Structures are given as C-alpha cells and as structure tokens.
Amino acid sequence: MIDPHFVFLGAFISVGGAAIYVRDTWRGSTAPNRVTWTLWAIEPLLAFAVERQAHVGLASIMALVLGVVPIVVLAVSFHDHASVWKVGWFDVSCAAVSLGGLVVWLAVNQATVALVAFVAADAVAGIPTVRKSFREPDSESSWSFLSGLIFAGITLLTLKHLTTAGALFAFSVLVMNIFIWLFIVTKVGTRMKANRLSSWKGAASS
C-alpha cells in the first residue's frame, strides 16, 4: 500500500493524458465514440456518489476525474465533424445494455449492488471503443488510456483494504484501459486484417 495522497498524482497524470486526447480530438486526428464517452461521463459520476456514500475516501477521486474528463471530450468533439465516429447498431445496443445497469442502480438503492451495476454498465459502455481501437487504432489516441490505467493502478495501490466498494471500479477501469491501450499501440487488429487479406489474395492467385 502507498500513501492515499498519491491518488492526486494519479489524477494529475490522468488529466495530462486526457489533455492530449482533447487536443487530438480538437485537431480532428482522433474520433471519440460519443456513445462510450457519454456513458463514461454519466456512470463514473454516479459511481463517485456511491463510493462517497460507502466512505471509500480519497480513492473516490478517480471516479470523479473519470466522469469530468469525458464531458470535456464530448464538448470538443463538436468542434470538427472529423472528430465524430459514426454510431451504428452495435454502439446503440451497448448503450441500451449499459443504461440497464443504471436502471438497476435506481431500483436496488444499495451501495455495493449499485457499484457492481455501475461497473458492469461502465464496462459495456467501453466495448464500442474497445472494438474501434481494435479495428481502427489510428482513430484513437493512446495517451489518455495509458494515463487512465496508471491512474487506476495508483488508486488500487492506495487502498488499505481491497473491498468491493473501493477496488471494483478501479480494477475494471484498469483492465479496460489496458486492452484499449494495447490495441492502439500494437495495431494488432489492423495487422490481423492485413494478414487475412494477404492470405486471401495469395489463395485467389494460386
């Protein structure tokens, strides 16, 4: 365990990565999926409220920061039409499932169950961006997700006790950001697509 105040360092790193993402969105070189980022704005702020109710402490700052940053990203995405990712049926389906998690929160009114619903909703909300990062890594900016996973890792290290209320959301964010960051920097989806296309062309010419 590290000093709980290290969460402020994590927040600073996360905001720095988010600033790069916002800059790239402003320039039109990054196209955020508005479904994901809208839900990422709503759900962490609700998680922050639940974590405060559960007396999580300074670790709850992570949820607050992760809720505020998407609001800025969404606002900037309206600056340039190139900064808009086309939303399809898959994105809408994920949004519907994710919103279902919020309905559970409204229905149960119990802190731990609500947090579990938030985490599930947040994970589903991120699926469109995970998918986009795999298929079109050049449409994303890796720094925000790298800083996000560092922030989540620091937050987990500040916890005195690994309770569901304190650790579940941070762990979910850590895993989600690892996958997205790796898909962007390795471009594994693009390379797999290129290999399949090359194999198909080779088979067609033989």
N, C-alpha and C. Protein backbone atom coordinates (compact mmCIF):
# COMPACT_ATOMS: atom_id res chain seq x y z
N MET A 1 0.83 -1.19 0.00
CA MET A 1 0.00 0.00 0.00
C MET A 1 0.87 1.24 0.00
N ILE A 2 0.45 2.26 -0.75
CA ILE A 2 1.16 3.54 -0.77
C ILE A 2 0.27 4.60 -0.13
N ASP A 3 0.86 5.75 0.14
CA ASP A 3 0.11 6.83 0.78
C ASP A 3 -1.12 7.20 -0.06
N PRO A 4 -2.29 7.32 0.57
CA PRO A 4 -3.52 7.64 -0.17
C PRO A 4 -3.43 8.93 -0.99
N HIS A 5 -2.56 9.85 -0.59
CA HIS A 5 -2.46 11.11 -1.31
C HIS A 5 -1.82 10.95 -2.70
N PHE A 6 -1.25 9.77 -2.96
CA PHE A 6 -0.72 9.51 -4.30
C PHE A 6 -1.83 9.52 -5.34
N VAL A 7 -3.08 9.42 -4.90
CA VAL A 7 -4.20 9.46 -5.83
C VAL A 7 -4.22 10.80 -6.58
N PHE A 8 -3.71 11.84 -5.94
CA PHE A 8 -3.65 13.15 -6.61
C PHE A 8 -2.62 13.13 -7.74
N LEU A 9 -1.53 12.40 -7.55
CA LEU A 9 -0.55 12.22 -8.62
C LEU A 9 -1.20 11.48 -9.79
N GLY A 10 -1.96 10.43 -9.45
CA GLY A 10 -2.66 9.68 -10.49
C GLY A 10 -3.63 10.56 -11.25
N ALA A 11 -4.34 11.42 -10.51
CA ALA A 11 -5.29 12.33 -11.14
C ALA A 11 -4.58 13.29 -12.09
N PHE A 12 -3.42 13.79 -11.66
CA PHE A 12 -2.63 14.70 -12.49
C PHE A 12 -2.19 14.01 -13.78
N ILE A 13 -1.72 12.77 -13.66
CA ILE A 13 -1.30 12.01 -14.84
C ILE A 13 -2.48 11.77 -15.78
N SER A 14 -3.62 11.42 -15.20
CA SER A 14 -4.81 11.15 -16.00
C SER A 14 -5.27 12.39 -16.75
N VAL A 15 -5.27 13.52 -16.07
CA VAL A 15 -5.68 14.77 -16.72
C VAL A 15 -4.70 15.14 -17.84
N GLY A 16 -3.41 14.86 -17.62
CA GLY A 16 -2.42 15.13 -18.67
C GLY A 16 -2.68 14.31 -19.91
N GLY A 17 -2.97 13.01 -19.72
CA GLY A 17 -3.29 12.16 -20.86
C GLY A 17 -4.57 12.59 -21.54
N ALA A 18 -5.55 12.99 -20.74
CA ALA A 18 -6.83 13.45 -21.29
C ALA A 18 -6.64 14.73 -22.10
N ALA A 19 -5.73 15.60 -21.65
CA ALA A 19 -5.48 16.84 -22.38
C ALA A 19 -4.96 16.55 -23.79
N ILE A 20 -4.12 15.54 -23.91
CA ILE A 20 -3.61 15.14 -25.23
C ILE A 20 -4.76 14.62 -26.10
N TYR A 21 -5.66 13.83 -25.47
CA TYR A 21 -6.81 13.28 -26.20
C TYR A 21 -7.72 14.41 -26.67
N VAL A 22 -7.95 15.37 -25.80
CA VAL A 22 -8.78 16.53 -26.16
C VAL A 22 -8.14 17.32 -27.29
N ARG A 23 -6.82 17.51 -27.22
CA ARG A 23 -6.11 18.22 -28.28
C ARG A 23 -6.26 17.50 -29.62
N ASP A 24 -6.07 16.18 -29.61
CA ASP A 24 -6.18 15.40 -30.85
C ASP A 24 -7.61 15.40 -31.38
N THR A 25 -8.58 15.42 -30.47
CA THR A 25 -9.98 15.49 -30.90
C THR A 25 -10.26 16.85 -31.53
N TRP A 26 -9.73 17.90 -30.94
CA TRP A 26 -9.89 19.26 -31.47
C TRP A 26 -9.31 19.36 -32.88
N ARG A 27 -8.17 18.71 -33.08
CA ARG A 27 -7.50 18.75 -34.39
C ARG A 27 -8.17 17.84 -35.41
N GLY A 28 -9.00 16.92 -34.95
CA GLY A 28 -9.68 16.01 -35.87
C GLY A 28 -8.90 14.73 -36.15
N SER A 29 -7.78 14.52 -35.45
CA SER A 29 -6.99 13.31 -35.68
C SER A 29 -7.48 12.14 -34.82
N THR A 30 -8.33 12.45 -33.85
CA THR A 30 -8.95 11.41 -33.01
C THR A 30 -10.46 11.57 -33.09
N ALA A 31 -11.15 10.44 -33.22
CA ALA A 31 -12.61 10.48 -33.36
C ALA A 31 -13.25 9.67 -32.24
N PRO A 32 -13.55 10.30 -31.11
CA PRO A 32 -14.14 9.57 -29.98
C PRO A 32 -15.53 9.04 -30.32
N ASN A 33 -15.83 7.87 -29.80
CA ASN A 33 -17.16 7.30 -29.94
C ASN A 33 -18.06 7.98 -28.90
N ARG A 34 -19.02 8.75 -29.36
CA ARG A 34 -19.82 9.55 -28.44
C ARG A 34 -20.70 8.69 -27.53
N VAL A 35 -21.05 7.50 -27.97
CA VAL A 35 -21.82 6.60 -27.11
C VAL A 35 -21.00 6.25 -25.87
N THR A 36 -19.78 5.80 -26.11
CA THR A 36 -18.90 5.44 -25.00
C THR A 36 -18.63 6.64 -24.09
N TRP A 37 -18.26 7.76 -24.68
CA TRP A 37 -17.84 8.89 -23.87
C TRP A 37 -19.00 9.54 -23.13
N THR A 38 -20.21 9.47 -23.69
CA THR A 38 -21.37 9.98 -22.97
C THR A 38 -21.64 9.14 -21.72
N LEU A 39 -21.60 7.82 -21.89
CA LEU A 39 -21.83 6.93 -20.76
C LEU A 39 -20.68 6.99 -19.77
N TRP A 40 -19.46 7.19 -20.28
CA TRP A 40 -18.31 7.33 -19.39
C TRP A 40 -18.38 8.63 -18.59
N ALA A 41 -19.16 9.58 -19.04
CA ALA A 41 -19.37 10.81 -18.26
C ALA A 41 -20.40 10.59 -17.17
N ILE A 42 -21.46 9.87 -17.50
CA ILE A 42 -22.56 9.67 -16.56
C ILE A 42 -22.19 8.69 -15.46
N GLU A 43 -21.68 7.53 -15.86
CA GLU A 43 -21.52 6.42 -14.91
C GLU A 43 -20.44 6.64 -13.85
N PRO A 44 -19.26 7.17 -14.20
CA PRO A 44 -18.28 7.42 -13.13
C PRO A 44 -18.76 8.44 -12.11
N LEU A 45 -19.54 9.44 -12.55
CA LEU A 45 -20.05 10.42 -11.60
C LEU A 45 -21.05 9.78 -10.65
N LEU A 46 -21.84 8.85 -11.15
CA LEU A 46 -22.74 8.10 -10.28
C LEU A 46 -21.95 7.19 -9.35
N ALA A 47 -20.89 6.57 -9.89
CA ALA A 47 -20.04 5.72 -9.07
C ALA A 47 -19.37 6.54 -7.97
N PHE A 48 -18.99 7.78 -8.30
CA PHE A 48 -18.39 8.66 -7.30
C PHE A 48 -19.37 8.90 -6.15
N ALA A 49 -20.64 9.12 -6.49
CA ALA A 49 -21.65 9.34 -5.45
C ALA A 49 -21.80 8.11 -4.57
N VAL A 50 -21.79 6.92 -5.19
CA VAL A 50 -21.93 5.68 -4.43
C VAL A 50 -20.71 5.44 -3.56
N GLU A 51 -19.51 5.70 -4.11
CA GLU A 51 -18.29 5.49 -3.34
C GLU A 51 -18.21 6.45 -2.15
N ARG A 52 -18.68 7.67 -2.33
CA ARG A 52 -18.71 8.61 -1.21
C ARG A 52 -19.66 8.12 -0.13
N GLN A 53 -20.79 7.56 -0.58
CA GLN A 53 -21.75 7.01 0.37
C GLN A 53 -21.16 5.84 1.14
N ALA A 54 -20.30 5.07 0.46
CA ALA A 54 -19.66 3.90 1.09
C ALA A 54 -18.39 4.28 1.83
N HIS A 55 -18.07 5.57 1.91
CA HIS A 55 -16.89 6.08 2.65
C HIS A 55 -15.59 5.48 2.12
N VAL A 56 -15.45 5.47 0.78
CA VAL A 56 -14.24 4.93 0.16
C VAL A 56 -13.03 5.81 0.45
N GLY A 57 -13.24 7.11 0.57
CA GLY A 57 -12.13 8.02 0.86
C GLY A 57 -11.55 8.64 -0.40
N LEU A 58 -10.24 8.95 -0.35
CA LEU A 58 -9.59 9.64 -1.46
C LEU A 58 -9.62 8.85 -2.75
N ALA A 59 -9.73 7.54 -2.67
CA ALA A 59 -9.75 6.72 -3.87
C ALA A 59 -10.94 7.06 -4.76
N SER A 60 -11.99 7.66 -4.18
CA SER A 60 -13.17 8.01 -4.97
C SER A 60 -12.89 9.15 -5.94
N ILE A 61 -11.76 9.84 -5.76
CA ILE A 61 -11.40 10.93 -6.67
C ILE A 61 -11.24 10.41 -8.09
N MET A 62 -10.82 9.14 -8.22
CA MET A 62 -10.65 8.56 -9.55
C MET A 62 -11.95 8.60 -10.32
N ALA A 63 -13.05 8.20 -9.68
CA ALA A 63 -14.35 8.20 -10.35
C ALA A 63 -14.77 9.62 -10.73
N LEU A 64 -14.47 10.58 -9.86
CA LEU A 64 -14.83 11.97 -10.15
C LEU A 64 -14.09 12.47 -11.38
N VAL A 65 -12.78 12.25 -11.43
CA VAL A 65 -11.97 12.71 -12.56
C VAL A 65 -12.41 12.01 -13.85
N LEU A 66 -12.65 10.69 -13.76
CA LEU A 66 -13.05 9.93 -14.95
C LEU A 66 -14.45 10.30 -15.42
N GLY A 67 -15.22 10.98 -14.59
CA GLY A 67 -16.53 11.45 -15.02
C GLY A 67 -16.47 12.83 -15.65
N VAL A 68 -15.56 13.67 -15.17
CA VAL A 68 -15.46 15.04 -15.67
C VAL A 68 -14.76 15.08 -17.04
N VAL A 69 -13.69 14.28 -17.20
CA VAL A 69 -12.91 14.30 -18.44
C VAL A 69 -13.77 14.01 -19.68
N PRO A 70 -14.64 12.98 -19.67
CA PRO A 70 -15.45 12.72 -20.87
C PRO A 70 -16.36 13.87 -21.26
N ILE A 71 -16.79 14.67 -20.28
CA ILE A 71 -17.62 15.83 -20.59
C ILE A 71 -16.85 16.80 -21.49
N VAL A 72 -15.57 17.00 -21.16
CA VAL A 72 -14.72 17.88 -21.97
C VAL A 72 -14.51 17.28 -23.35
N VAL A 73 -14.24 15.97 -23.41
CA VAL A 73 -14.03 15.30 -24.70
C VAL A 73 -15.27 15.44 -25.58
N LEU A 74 -16.44 15.22 -25.01
CA LEU A 74 -17.68 15.34 -25.77
C LEU A 74 -17.87 16.76 -26.29
N ALA A 75 -17.61 17.74 -25.45
CA ALA A 75 -17.77 19.14 -25.87
C ALA A 75 -16.86 19.47 -27.04
N VAL A 76 -15.60 19.02 -26.96
CA VAL A 76 -14.63 19.32 -28.01
C VAL A 76 -14.95 18.57 -29.30
N SER A 77 -15.58 17.40 -29.19
CA SER A 77 -15.89 16.60 -30.38
C SER A 77 -16.85 17.31 -31.34
N PHE A 78 -17.55 18.33 -30.84
CA PHE A 78 -18.47 19.08 -31.70
C PHE A 78 -17.75 20.17 -32.49
N HIS A 79 -16.45 20.36 -32.23
CA HIS A 79 -15.69 21.40 -32.93
C HIS A 79 -15.44 21.03 -34.38
N ASP A 80 -15.21 19.75 -34.66
CA ASP A 80 -14.83 19.31 -36.00
C ASP A 80 -15.62 18.06 -36.36
N HIS A 81 -16.24 18.07 -37.53
CA HIS A 81 -17.02 16.90 -37.96
C HIS A 81 -16.14 15.66 -38.11
N ALA A 82 -14.83 15.87 -38.32
CA ALA A 82 -13.90 14.74 -38.43
C ALA A 82 -13.71 14.06 -37.09
N SER A 83 -14.11 14.74 -36.01
CA SER A 83 -13.94 14.20 -34.67
C SER A 83 -15.15 13.40 -34.21
N VAL A 84 -15.97 12.99 -35.13
CA VAL A 84 -17.17 12.23 -34.79
C VAL A 84 -17.08 10.83 -35.39
N TRP A 85 -17.20 9.83 -34.54
CA TRP A 85 -17.21 8.45 -35.01
C TRP A 85 -18.66 8.04 -35.28
N LYS A 86 -18.89 7.48 -36.45
CA LYS A 86 -20.25 7.09 -36.83
C LYS A 86 -20.77 6.02 -35.88
N VAL A 87 -21.95 6.27 -35.34
CA VAL A 87 -22.57 5.35 -34.39
C VAL A 87 -23.47 4.37 -35.15
N GLY A 88 -23.28 3.09 -34.88
CA GLY A 88 -24.08 2.05 -35.53
C GLY A 88 -24.94 1.30 -34.53
N TRP A 89 -25.57 0.24 -35.03
CA TRP A 89 -26.48 -0.54 -34.19
C TRP A 89 -25.75 -1.18 -33.02
N PHE A 90 -24.49 -1.58 -33.23
CA PHE A 90 -23.72 -2.20 -32.16
C PHE A 90 -23.53 -1.23 -31.00
N ASP A 91 -23.20 0.01 -31.34
CA ASP A 91 -23.00 1.03 -30.31
C ASP A 91 -24.30 1.30 -29.54
N VAL A 92 -25.39 1.38 -30.28
CA VAL A 92 -26.69 1.63 -29.64
C VAL A 92 -27.07 0.47 -28.73
N SER A 93 -26.78 -0.76 -29.15
CA SER A 93 -27.09 -1.93 -28.33
C SER A 93 -26.30 -1.91 -27.03
N CYS A 94 -25.02 -1.56 -27.14
CA CYS A 94 -24.19 -1.45 -25.93
C CYS A 94 -24.71 -0.36 -25.01
N ALA A 95 -25.16 0.74 -25.60
CA ALA A 95 -25.70 1.83 -24.79
C ALA A 95 -26.94 1.38 -24.03
N ALA A 96 -27.79 0.62 -24.71
CA ALA A 96 -29.03 0.15 -24.07
C ALA A 96 -28.72 -0.76 -22.89
N VAL A 97 -27.76 -1.68 -23.09
CA VAL A 97 -27.38 -2.59 -22.01
C VAL A 97 -26.74 -1.81 -20.86
N SER A 98 -25.89 -0.86 -21.21
CA SER A 98 -25.22 -0.06 -20.20
C SER A 98 -26.23 0.75 -19.38
N LEU A 99 -27.19 1.33 -20.07
CA LEU A 99 -28.22 2.09 -19.36
C LEU A 99 -29.05 1.19 -18.45
N GLY A 100 -29.14 -0.09 -18.84
CA GLY A 100 -29.83 -1.04 -17.97
C GLY A 100 -29.16 -1.16 -16.62
N GLY A 101 -27.83 -1.02 -16.61
CA GLY A 101 -27.10 -1.03 -15.34
C GLY A 101 -27.49 0.14 -14.45
N LEU A 102 -27.76 1.27 -15.09
CA LEU A 102 -28.19 2.43 -14.31
C LEU A 102 -29.60 2.23 -13.75
N VAL A 103 -30.43 1.53 -14.50
CA VAL A 103 -31.77 1.22 -14.01
C VAL A 103 -31.69 0.35 -12.76
N VAL A 104 -30.74 -0.60 -12.78
CA VAL A 104 -30.52 -1.45 -11.60
C VAL A 104 -30.14 -0.58 -10.41
N TRP A 105 -29.27 0.38 -10.65
CA TRP A 105 -28.87 1.28 -9.56
C TRP A 105 -30.08 2.00 -8.96
N LEU A 106 -30.95 2.48 -9.83
CA LEU A 106 -32.13 3.20 -9.36
C LEU A 106 -33.09 2.28 -8.61
N ALA A 107 -33.07 1.00 -8.98
CA ALA A 107 -34.04 0.07 -8.40
C ALA A 107 -33.60 -0.48 -7.05
N VAL A 108 -32.29 -0.78 -6.90
CA VAL A 108 -31.87 -1.51 -5.70
C VAL A 108 -31.57 -0.60 -4.50
N ASN A 109 -31.03 0.58 -4.78
CA ASN A 109 -30.74 1.53 -3.70
C ASN A 109 -29.90 0.92 -2.58
N GLN A 110 -28.90 0.15 -2.98
CA GLN A 110 -27.96 -0.46 -2.02
C GLN A 110 -26.56 -0.24 -2.56
N ALA A 111 -25.68 0.32 -1.75
CA ALA A 111 -24.41 0.86 -2.23
C ALA A 111 -23.57 -0.15 -3.02
N THR A 112 -23.31 -1.33 -2.45
CA THR A 112 -22.43 -2.29 -3.10
C THR A 112 -23.05 -2.84 -4.38
N VAL A 113 -24.32 -3.19 -4.32
CA VAL A 113 -25.00 -3.69 -5.52
C VAL A 113 -25.03 -2.62 -6.60
N ALA A 114 -25.25 -1.38 -6.19
CA ALA A 114 -25.26 -0.28 -7.15
C ALA A 114 -23.90 -0.12 -7.81
N LEU A 115 -22.83 -0.24 -7.04
CA LEU A 115 -21.49 -0.11 -7.60
C LEU A 115 -21.20 -1.22 -8.60
N VAL A 116 -21.63 -2.44 -8.28
CA VAL A 116 -21.46 -3.55 -9.22
C VAL A 116 -22.20 -3.25 -10.52
N ALA A 117 -23.42 -2.70 -10.40
CA ALA A 117 -24.18 -2.33 -11.59
C ALA A 117 -23.45 -1.26 -12.39
N PHE A 118 -22.85 -0.30 -11.69
CA PHE A 118 -22.10 0.76 -12.36
C PHE A 118 -20.91 0.19 -13.13
N VAL A 119 -20.19 -0.71 -12.48
CA VAL A 119 -19.01 -1.29 -13.11
C VAL A 119 -19.39 -2.06 -14.36
N ALA A 120 -20.46 -2.85 -14.27
CA ALA A 120 -20.93 -3.59 -15.44
C ALA A 120 -21.37 -2.64 -16.54
N ALA A 121 -22.09 -1.60 -16.16
CA ALA A 121 -22.55 -0.61 -17.14
C ALA A 121 -21.38 0.10 -17.79
N ASP A 122 -20.38 0.46 -16.99
CA ASP A 122 -19.20 1.16 -17.50
C ASP A 122 -18.41 0.27 -18.45
N ALA A 123 -18.30 -1.00 -18.11
CA ALA A 123 -17.58 -1.94 -18.97
C ALA A 123 -18.27 -2.09 -20.32
N VAL A 124 -19.58 -2.24 -20.29
CA VAL A 124 -20.34 -2.37 -21.54
C VAL A 124 -20.25 -1.09 -22.36
N ALA A 125 -20.27 0.05 -21.68
CA ALA A 125 -20.14 1.34 -22.37
C ALA A 125 -18.82 1.44 -23.11
N GLY A 126 -17.78 0.80 -22.57
CA GLY A 126 -16.46 0.88 -23.20
C GLY A 126 -16.27 -0.06 -24.36
N ILE A 127 -17.17 -1.04 -24.53
CA ILE A 127 -17.00 -2.04 -25.59
C ILE A 127 -16.92 -1.42 -26.98
N PRO A 128 -17.77 -0.43 -27.32
CA PRO A 128 -17.63 0.17 -28.65
C PRO A 128 -16.24 0.76 -28.91
N THR A 129 -15.63 1.36 -27.89
CA THR A 129 -14.30 1.94 -28.05
C THR A 129 -13.23 0.86 -28.09
N VAL A 130 -13.42 -0.22 -27.33
CA VAL A 130 -12.50 -1.36 -27.42
C VAL A 130 -12.53 -1.91 -28.85
N ARG A 131 -13.72 -2.08 -29.37
CA ARG A 131 -13.90 -2.60 -30.74
C ARG A 131 -13.28 -1.67 -31.77
N LYS A 132 -13.50 -0.36 -31.59
CA LYS A 132 -12.95 0.62 -32.52
C LYS A 132 -11.43 0.67 -32.45
N SER A 133 -10.88 0.55 -31.24
CA SER A 133 -9.43 0.55 -31.08
C SER A 133 -8.78 -0.66 -31.74
N PHE A 134 -9.50 -1.78 -31.73
CA PHE A 134 -9.01 -2.99 -32.38
C PHE A 134 -9.07 -2.87 -33.89
N ARG A 135 -10.19 -2.35 -34.39
CA ARG A 135 -10.39 -2.28 -35.84
C ARG A 135 -9.73 -1.07 -36.49
N GLU A 136 -9.81 0.09 -35.81
CA GLU A 136 -9.30 1.35 -36.36
C GLU A 136 -8.43 2.07 -35.32
N PRO A 137 -7.27 1.53 -35.01
CA PRO A 137 -6.43 2.13 -33.95
C PRO A 137 -5.99 3.56 -34.26
N ASP A 138 -5.89 3.92 -35.53
CA ASP A 138 -5.46 5.27 -35.89
C ASP A 138 -6.52 6.32 -35.59
N SER A 139 -7.74 5.88 -35.28
CA SER A 139 -8.80 6.82 -34.94
C SER A 139 -8.81 7.17 -33.45
N GLU A 140 -7.85 6.60 -32.72
CA GLU A 140 -7.78 6.82 -31.27
C GLU A 140 -6.43 7.39 -30.88
N SER A 141 -6.37 7.95 -29.67
CA SER A 141 -5.14 8.49 -29.09
C SER A 141 -4.81 7.67 -27.85
N SER A 142 -3.62 7.10 -27.83
CA SER A 142 -3.28 6.12 -26.79
C SER A 142 -2.99 6.74 -25.42
N TRP A 143 -2.56 8.02 -25.39
CA TRP A 143 -2.08 8.60 -24.14
C TRP A 143 -3.14 8.66 -23.06
N SER A 144 -4.37 8.94 -23.44
CA SER A 144 -5.43 9.02 -22.45
C SER A 144 -5.64 7.69 -21.75
N PHE A 145 -5.56 6.61 -22.50
CA PHE A 145 -5.80 5.29 -21.92
C PHE A 145 -4.59 4.80 -21.13
N LEU A 146 -3.39 5.18 -21.56
CA LEU A 146 -2.20 4.86 -20.78
C LEU A 146 -2.24 5.57 -19.43
N SER A 147 -2.58 6.85 -19.46
CA SER A 147 -2.67 7.60 -18.20
C SER A 147 -3.81 7.09 -17.34
N GLY A 148 -4.89 6.63 -17.98
CA GLY A 148 -6.02 6.08 -17.24
C GLY A 148 -5.66 4.81 -16.51
N LEU A 149 -4.89 3.93 -17.15
CA LEU A 149 -4.52 2.68 -16.47
C LEU A 149 -3.51 2.94 -15.35
N ILE A 150 -2.64 3.96 -15.53
CA ILE A 150 -1.72 4.33 -14.46
C ILE A 150 -2.50 4.87 -13.27
N PHE A 151 -3.47 5.72 -13.55
CA PHE A 151 -4.32 6.30 -12.50
C PHE A 151 -5.04 5.21 -11.73
N ALA A 152 -5.63 4.26 -12.46
CA ALA A 152 -6.35 3.17 -11.80
C ALA A 152 -5.40 2.31 -10.97
N GLY A 153 -4.20 2.05 -11.50
CA GLY A 153 -3.22 1.26 -10.76
C GLY A 153 -2.79 1.95 -9.47
N ILE A 154 -2.54 3.26 -9.56
CA ILE A 154 -2.16 4.02 -8.36
C ILE A 154 -3.29 4.00 -7.34
N THR A 155 -4.52 4.17 -7.83
CA THR A 155 -5.68 4.17 -6.93
C THR A 155 -5.79 2.86 -6.18
N LEU A 156 -5.60 1.75 -6.88
CA LEU A 156 -5.66 0.43 -6.23
C LEU A 156 -4.56 0.29 -5.17
N LEU A 157 -3.39 0.84 -5.47
CA LEU A 157 -2.27 0.73 -4.52
C LEU A 157 -2.48 1.57 -3.27
N THR A 158 -3.35 2.57 -3.33
CA THR A 158 -3.59 3.42 -2.16
C THR A 158 -4.60 2.82 -1.19
N LEU A 159 -5.29 1.76 -1.60
CA LEU A 159 -6.34 1.19 -0.76
C LEU A 159 -5.75 0.40 0.41
N LYS A 160 -6.21 0.68 1.60
CA LYS A 160 -5.77 -0.08 2.77
C LYS A 160 -6.39 -1.47 2.78
N HIS A 161 -7.63 -1.55 2.33
CA HIS A 161 -8.34 -2.83 2.29
C HIS A 161 -8.99 -2.97 0.92
N LEU A 162 -8.84 -4.13 0.30
CA LEU A 162 -9.42 -4.36 -1.02
C LEU A 162 -10.89 -4.75 -0.89
N THR A 163 -11.71 -3.76 -0.60
CA THR A 163 -13.15 -4.00 -0.51
C THR A 163 -13.78 -3.86 -1.89
N THR A 164 -14.97 -4.40 -2.04
CA THR A 164 -15.69 -4.28 -3.31
C THR A 164 -15.93 -2.83 -3.65
N ALA A 165 -16.35 -2.06 -2.67
CA ALA A 165 -16.66 -0.64 -2.90
C ALA A 165 -15.43 0.13 -3.34
N GLY A 166 -14.28 -0.19 -2.77
CA GLY A 166 -13.08 0.57 -3.06
C GLY A 166 -12.33 0.12 -4.30
N ALA A 167 -12.34 -1.19 -4.57
CA ALA A 167 -11.46 -1.74 -5.60
C ALA A 167 -12.13 -2.08 -6.92
N LEU A 168 -13.41 -2.41 -6.91
CA LEU A 168 -14.04 -2.96 -8.10
C LEU A 168 -14.02 -2.01 -9.27
N PHE A 169 -14.41 -0.77 -9.05
CA PHE A 169 -14.46 0.19 -10.15
C PHE A 169 -13.06 0.46 -10.69
N ALA A 170 -12.10 0.68 -9.80
CA ALA A 170 -10.73 0.96 -10.23
C ALA A 170 -10.14 -0.21 -11.00
N PHE A 171 -10.42 -1.42 -10.56
CA PHE A 171 -9.89 -2.61 -11.26
C PHE A 171 -10.51 -2.73 -12.64
N SER A 172 -11.80 -2.47 -12.75
CA SER A 172 -12.47 -2.52 -14.04
C SER A 172 -11.88 -1.49 -15.00
N VAL A 173 -11.65 -0.29 -14.51
CA VAL A 173 -11.05 0.77 -15.34
C VAL A 173 -9.65 0.37 -15.78
N LEU A 174 -8.88 -0.22 -14.87
CA LEU A 174 -7.52 -0.68 -15.19
C LEU A 174 -7.54 -1.67 -16.34
N VAL A 175 -8.38 -2.69 -16.25
CA VAL A 175 -8.45 -3.73 -17.29
C VAL A 175 -8.90 -3.15 -18.62
N MET A 176 -9.94 -2.32 -18.58
CA MET A 176 -10.46 -1.72 -19.81
C MET A 176 -9.41 -0.88 -20.51
N ASN A 177 -8.69 -0.06 -19.75
CA ASN A 177 -7.67 0.80 -20.34
C ASN A 177 -6.48 0.02 -20.86
N ILE A 178 -6.14 -1.07 -20.21
CA ILE A 178 -5.04 -1.91 -20.71
C ILE A 178 -5.37 -2.46 -22.08
N PHE A 179 -6.58 -3.00 -22.25
CA PHE A 179 -6.98 -3.56 -23.54
C PHE A 179 -6.99 -2.49 -24.62
N ILE A 180 -7.61 -1.35 -24.34
CA ILE A 180 -7.71 -0.30 -25.36
C ILE A 180 -6.32 0.21 -25.73
N TRP A 181 -5.49 0.46 -24.72
CA TRP A 181 -4.14 0.97 -24.99
C TRP A 181 -3.32 -0.01 -25.82
N LEU A 182 -3.39 -1.28 -25.47
CA LEU A 182 -2.63 -2.28 -26.22
C LEU A 182 -3.11 -2.40 -27.66
N PHE A 183 -4.42 -2.35 -27.87
CA PHE A 183 -4.95 -2.43 -29.23
C PHE A 183 -4.50 -1.24 -30.07
N ILE A 184 -4.40 -0.06 -29.45
CA ILE A 184 -3.99 1.13 -30.19
C ILE A 184 -2.50 1.08 -30.54
N VAL A 185 -1.66 0.80 -29.57
CA VAL A 185 -0.21 0.89 -29.80
C VAL A 185 0.33 -0.28 -30.62
N THR A 186 -0.28 -1.46 -30.49
CA THR A 186 0.21 -2.62 -31.24
C THR A 186 -0.43 -2.72 -32.62
N LYS A 187 -1.58 -2.05 -32.80
CA LYS A 187 -2.33 -2.13 -34.07
C LYS A 187 -2.57 -3.59 -34.49
N VAL A 188 -2.79 -4.43 -33.49
CA VAL A 188 -2.92 -5.85 -33.76
C VAL A 188 -4.11 -6.15 -34.66
N GLY A 189 -5.20 -5.41 -34.51
CA GLY A 189 -6.36 -5.64 -35.35
C GLY A 189 -6.08 -5.32 -36.81
N THR A 190 -5.39 -4.22 -37.05
CA THR A 190 -5.04 -3.82 -38.41
C THR A 190 -4.10 -4.84 -39.05
N ARG A 191 -3.13 -5.31 -38.28
CA ARG A 191 -2.18 -6.28 -38.81
C ARG A 191 -2.85 -7.62 -39.11
N MET A 192 -3.78 -8.02 -38.24
CA MET A 192 -4.51 -9.27 -38.49
C MET A 192 -5.36 -9.16 -39.75
N LYS A 193 -5.97 -8.00 -39.94
CA LYS A 193 -6.79 -7.78 -41.14
C LYS A 193 -5.92 -7.82 -42.39
N ALA A 194 -4.73 -7.18 -42.31
CA ALA A 194 -3.81 -7.17 -43.45
C ALA A 194 -3.32 -8.58 -43.77
N ASN A 195 -3.05 -9.36 -42.73
CA ASN A 195 -2.59 -10.75 -42.95
C ASN A 195 -3.67 -11.60 -43.59
N ARG A 196 -4.92 -11.41 -43.14
CA ARG A 196 -6.03 -12.17 -43.74
C ARG A 196 -6.22 -11.79 -45.20
N LEU A 197 -6.11 -10.49 -45.48
CA LEU A 197 -6.27 -10.02 -46.86
C LEU A 197 -5.16 -10.56 -47.74
N SER A 198 -3.92 -10.57 -47.19
CA SER A 198 -2.78 -11.09 -47.95
C SER A 198 -2.95 -12.58 -48.22
N SER A 199 -3.43 -13.31 -47.22
CA SER A 199 -3.65 -14.75 -47.39
C SER A 199 -4.74 -15.01 -48.41
N TRP A 200 -5.80 -14.20 -48.37
CA TRP A 200 -6.91 -14.36 -49.31
C TRP A 200 -6.45 -14.10 -50.73
N LYS A 201 -5.62 -13.02 -50.93
CA LYS A 201 -5.11 -12.71 -52.25
C LYS A 201 -4.19 -13.80 -52.76
N GLY A 202 -3.36 -14.35 -51.83
CA GLY A 202 -2.46 -15.43 -52.21
C GLY A 202 -3.21 -16.67 -52.64
N ALA A 203 -4.28 -16.99 -51.91
CA ALA A 203 -5.09 -18.16 -52.26
C ALA A 203 -5.83 -17.95 -53.57
N ALA A 204 -6.25 -16.71 -53.81
CA ALA A 204 -7.01 -16.42 -55.05
C ALA A 204 -6.11 -16.48 -56.28
N SER A 205 -4.84 -16.12 -56.11
CA SER A 205 -3.92 -16.11 -57.24
C SER A 205 -3.29 -17.45 -57.54
N SER A 206 -3.42 -18.39 -56.59
CA SER A 206 -2.80 -19.71 -56.80
C SER A 206 -3.71 -20.66 -57.56
